[in-house]
Amino acid sequence: WITFTALQLLDVHSTYEGLKYDCVYEGNPLVGTRPHLDRLILHKVVFLSPMYLSGYYGRVTKEDLEWSIGLYTIVVANNYDIVSQAKRNCN
C-alpha cells in the first residue's frame, strides 16, 4: 500500500511538472488537457478513496496491488520521460 500510494503521488507530481511545458497535455479525458494541480489531486481522491476505505481495503488482494503497482510504475516512468523530453524541446 505504501508503494501504491507513493506511485499515486509521483503520478500527480510528474503530471504537474509536465504540464508546465506548452507542448505537454494530460491524456486522461476525465481531468481535461491542462488541469490545475487541485484538479489532479481531487481526481485521485475521488477515484482512489474507495481503495483506502476500510470495507474495500480488505478485498484488494496482493495480486491486485502488484498489477496496479506495475501499471503505475510504467505511467510514472513515462510521465518523467515526457518531462525530460519537454525540457529539451518545449517552452
C-alpha atoms as a PDB file:
ATOM      1  CA  TRP A   1       0.000   0.000   0.000  1.00  0.00           C
ATOM      2  CA  ILE A   2       2.885   2.364   0.703  1.00  0.00           C
ATOM      3  CA  THR A   3       4.320   1.765  -2.777  1.00  0.00           C
ATOM      4  CA  PHE A   4       0.912   2.175  -4.397  1.00  0.00           C
ATOM      5  CA  THR A   5       0.353   5.466  -2.557  1.00  0.00           C
ATOM      6  CA  ALA A   6       3.834   6.728  -3.403  1.00  0.00           C
ATOM      7  CA  LEU A   7       3.206   5.997  -7.082  1.00  0.00           C
ATOM      8  CA  GLN A   8      -0.053   7.962  -6.966  1.00  0.00           C
ATOM      9  CA  LEU A   9       1.820  10.946  -5.534  1.00  0.00           C
ATOM     10  CA  LEU A  10       4.540  10.583  -8.157  1.00  0.00           C
ATOM     11  CA  ASP A  11       1.899  10.411 -10.886  1.00  0.00           C
ATOM     12  CA  VAL A  12       0.425  13.726  -9.747  1.00  0.00           C
ATOM     13  CA  HIS A  13       3.883  15.286  -9.385  1.00  0.00           C
ATOM     14  CA  SER A  14       5.140  14.117 -12.775  1.00  0.00           C
ATOM     15  CA  THR A  15       1.929  15.226 -14.484  1.00  0.00           C
ATOM     16  CA  TYR A  16       2.097  18.621 -12.812  1.00  0.00           C
ATOM     17  CA  GLU A  17       5.750  19.035 -13.824  1.00  0.00           C
ATOM     18  CA  GLY A  18       4.978  18.071 -17.400  1.00  0.00           C
ATOM     19  CA  LEU A  19       2.080  20.492 -17.676  1.00  0.00           C
ATOM     20  CA  LYS A  20       4.468  23.381 -17.045  1.00  0.00           C
ATOM     21  CA  TYR A  21       5.544  22.988 -20.687  1.00  0.00           C
ATOM     22  CA  ASP A  22       3.454  24.242 -23.596  1.00  0.00           C
ATOM     23  CA  CYS A  23       3.811  21.030 -25.611  1.00  0.00           C
ATOM     24  CA  VAL A  24       2.602  18.656 -22.879  1.00  0.00           C
ATOM     25  CA  TYR A  25      -1.049  17.770 -22.343  1.00  0.00           C
ATOM     26  CA  GLU A  26      -2.822  15.440 -19.950  1.00  0.00           C
ATOM     27  CA  GLY A  27      -4.038  12.252 -21.595  1.00  0.00           C
ATOM     28  CA  ASN A  28      -6.796  11.466 -19.079  1.00  0.00           C
ATOM     29  CA  PRO A  29     -10.057  12.833 -20.546  1.00  0.00           C
ATOM     30  CA  LEU A  30     -11.664  12.962 -17.099  1.00  0.00           C
ATOM     31  CA  VAL A  31      -9.446  15.847 -15.967  1.00  0.00           C
ATOM     32  CA  GLY A  32      -9.034  17.763 -19.232  1.00  0.00           C
ATOM     33  CA  THR A  33      -5.940  18.536 -21.262  1.00  0.00           C
ATOM     34  CA  ARG A  34      -4.494  21.234 -18.963  1.00  0.00           C
ATOM     35  CA  PRO A  35      -5.762  20.506 -15.428  1.00  0.00           C
ATOM     36  CA  HIS A  36      -4.641  22.550 -12.447  1.00  0.00           C
ATOM     37  CA  LEU A  37      -2.889  20.781  -9.572  1.00  0.00           C
ATOM     38  CA  ASP A  38      -6.012  20.851  -7.408  1.00  0.00           C
ATOM     39  CA  ARG A  39      -7.972  19.057 -10.150  1.00  0.00           C
ATOM     40  CA  LEU A  40      -5.311  16.340 -10.378  1.00  0.00           C
ATOM     41  CA  ILE A  41      -5.408  15.815  -6.618  1.00  0.00           C
ATOM     42  CA  LEU A  42      -9.211  15.839  -6.484  1.00  0.00           C
ATOM     43  CA  HIS A  43      -9.350  13.235  -9.240  1.00  0.00           C
ATOM     44  CA  LYS A  44      -7.025  10.920  -7.291  1.00  0.00           C
ATOM     45  CA  VAL A  45      -9.001  11.399  -4.079  1.00  0.00           C
ATOM     46  CA  VAL A  46     -12.374  10.753  -5.701  1.00  0.00           C
ATOM     47  CA  PHE A  47     -11.359   7.729  -7.747  1.00  0.00           C
ATOM     48  CA  LEU A  48      -8.944   6.087  -5.325  1.00  0.00           C
ATOM     49  CA  SER A  49     -10.585   6.762  -1.973  1.00  0.00           C
ATOM     50  CA  PRO A  50     -12.710   3.576  -2.197  1.00  0.00           C
ATOM     51  CA  MET A  51      -9.491   1.537  -2.193  1.00  0.00           C
ATOM     52  CA  TYR A  52      -8.497   3.087   1.115  1.00  0.00           C
ATOM     53  CA  LEU A  53     -11.850   2.746   2.839  1.00  0.00           C
ATOM     54  CA  SER A  54     -11.899   0.038   5.463  1.00  0.00           C
ATOM     55  CA  GLY A  55     -14.614  -2.075   3.821  1.00  0.00           C
ATOM     56  CA  TYR A  56     -12.838  -2.241   0.469  1.00  0.00           C
ATOM     57  CA  TYR A  57      -9.307  -2.315   1.843  1.00  0.00           C
ATOM     58  CA  GLY A  58      -9.569  -5.958   2.886  1.00  0.00           C
ATOM     59  CA  ARG A  59     -10.835  -7.068  -0.524  1.00  0.00           C
ATOM     60  CA  VAL A  60      -7.843  -5.810  -2.520  1.00  0.00           C
ATOM     61  CA  THR A  61      -5.543  -8.776  -2.972  1.00  0.00           C
ATOM     62  CA  LYS A  62      -1.780  -8.784  -3.186  1.00  0.00           C
ATOM     63  CA  GLU A  63      -2.096  -9.614  -6.879  1.00  0.00           C
ATOM     64  CA  ASP A  64      -4.420  -6.632  -7.400  1.00  0.00           C
ATOM     65  CA  LEU A  65      -1.841  -4.347  -5.843  1.00  0.00           C
ATOM     66  CA  GLU A  66       1.001  -5.882  -7.834  1.00  0.00           C
ATOM     67  CA  TRP A  67      -0.830  -5.232 -11.115  1.00  0.00           C
ATOM     68  CA  SER A  68      -1.649  -1.669 -10.061  1.00  0.00           C
ATOM     69  CA  ILE A  69       1.918  -1.039  -8.943  1.00  0.00           C
ATOM     70  CA  GLY A  70       3.242  -2.402 -12.230  1.00  0.00           C
ATOM     71  CA  LEU A  71       0.866  -0.248 -14.245  1.00  0.00           C
ATOM     72  CA  TYR A  72       1.572   2.931 -12.305  1.00  0.00           C
ATOM     73  CA  THR A  73       5.310   2.317 -12.448  1.00  0.00           C
ATOM     74  CA  ILE A  74       5.022   2.419 -16.229  1.00  0.00           C
ATOM     75  CA  VAL A  75       2.773   5.503 -16.112  1.00  0.00           C
ATOM     76  CA  VAL A  76       5.128   7.418 -13.818  1.00  0.00           C
ATOM     77  CA  ALA A  77       8.235   6.422 -15.790  1.00  0.00           C
ATOM     78  CA  ASN A  78       6.507   7.564 -18.985  1.00  0.00           C
ATOM     79  CA  ASN A  79       5.490  10.851 -17.361  1.00  0.00           C
ATOM     80  CA  TYR A  80       9.040  11.622 -16.272  1.00  0.00           C
ATOM     81  CA  ASP A  81      10.307  10.666 -19.729  1.00  0.00           C
ATOM     82  CA  ILE A  82       7.858  13.171 -21.220  1.00  0.00           C
ATOM     83  CA  VAL A  83       9.055  15.822 -18.759  1.00  0.00           C
ATOM     84  CA  SER A  84      12.656  15.130 -19.751  1.00  0.00           C
ATOM     85  CA  GLN A  85      11.830  15.463 -23.448  1.00  0.00           C
ATOM     86  CA  ALA A  86       9.785  18.611 -22.832  1.00  0.00           C
ATOM     87  CA  LYS A  87      12.733  20.247 -21.029  1.00  0.00           C
ATOM     88  CA  ARG A  88      14.781  19.806 -24.202  1.00  0.00           C
ATOM     89  CA  ASN A  89      12.150  20.604 -26.818  1.00  0.00           C
ATOM     90  CA  CYS A  90       9.413  22.862 -25.422  1.00  0.00           C
ATOM     91  CA  ASN A  91       8.813  26.249 -23.871  1.00  0.00           C
END
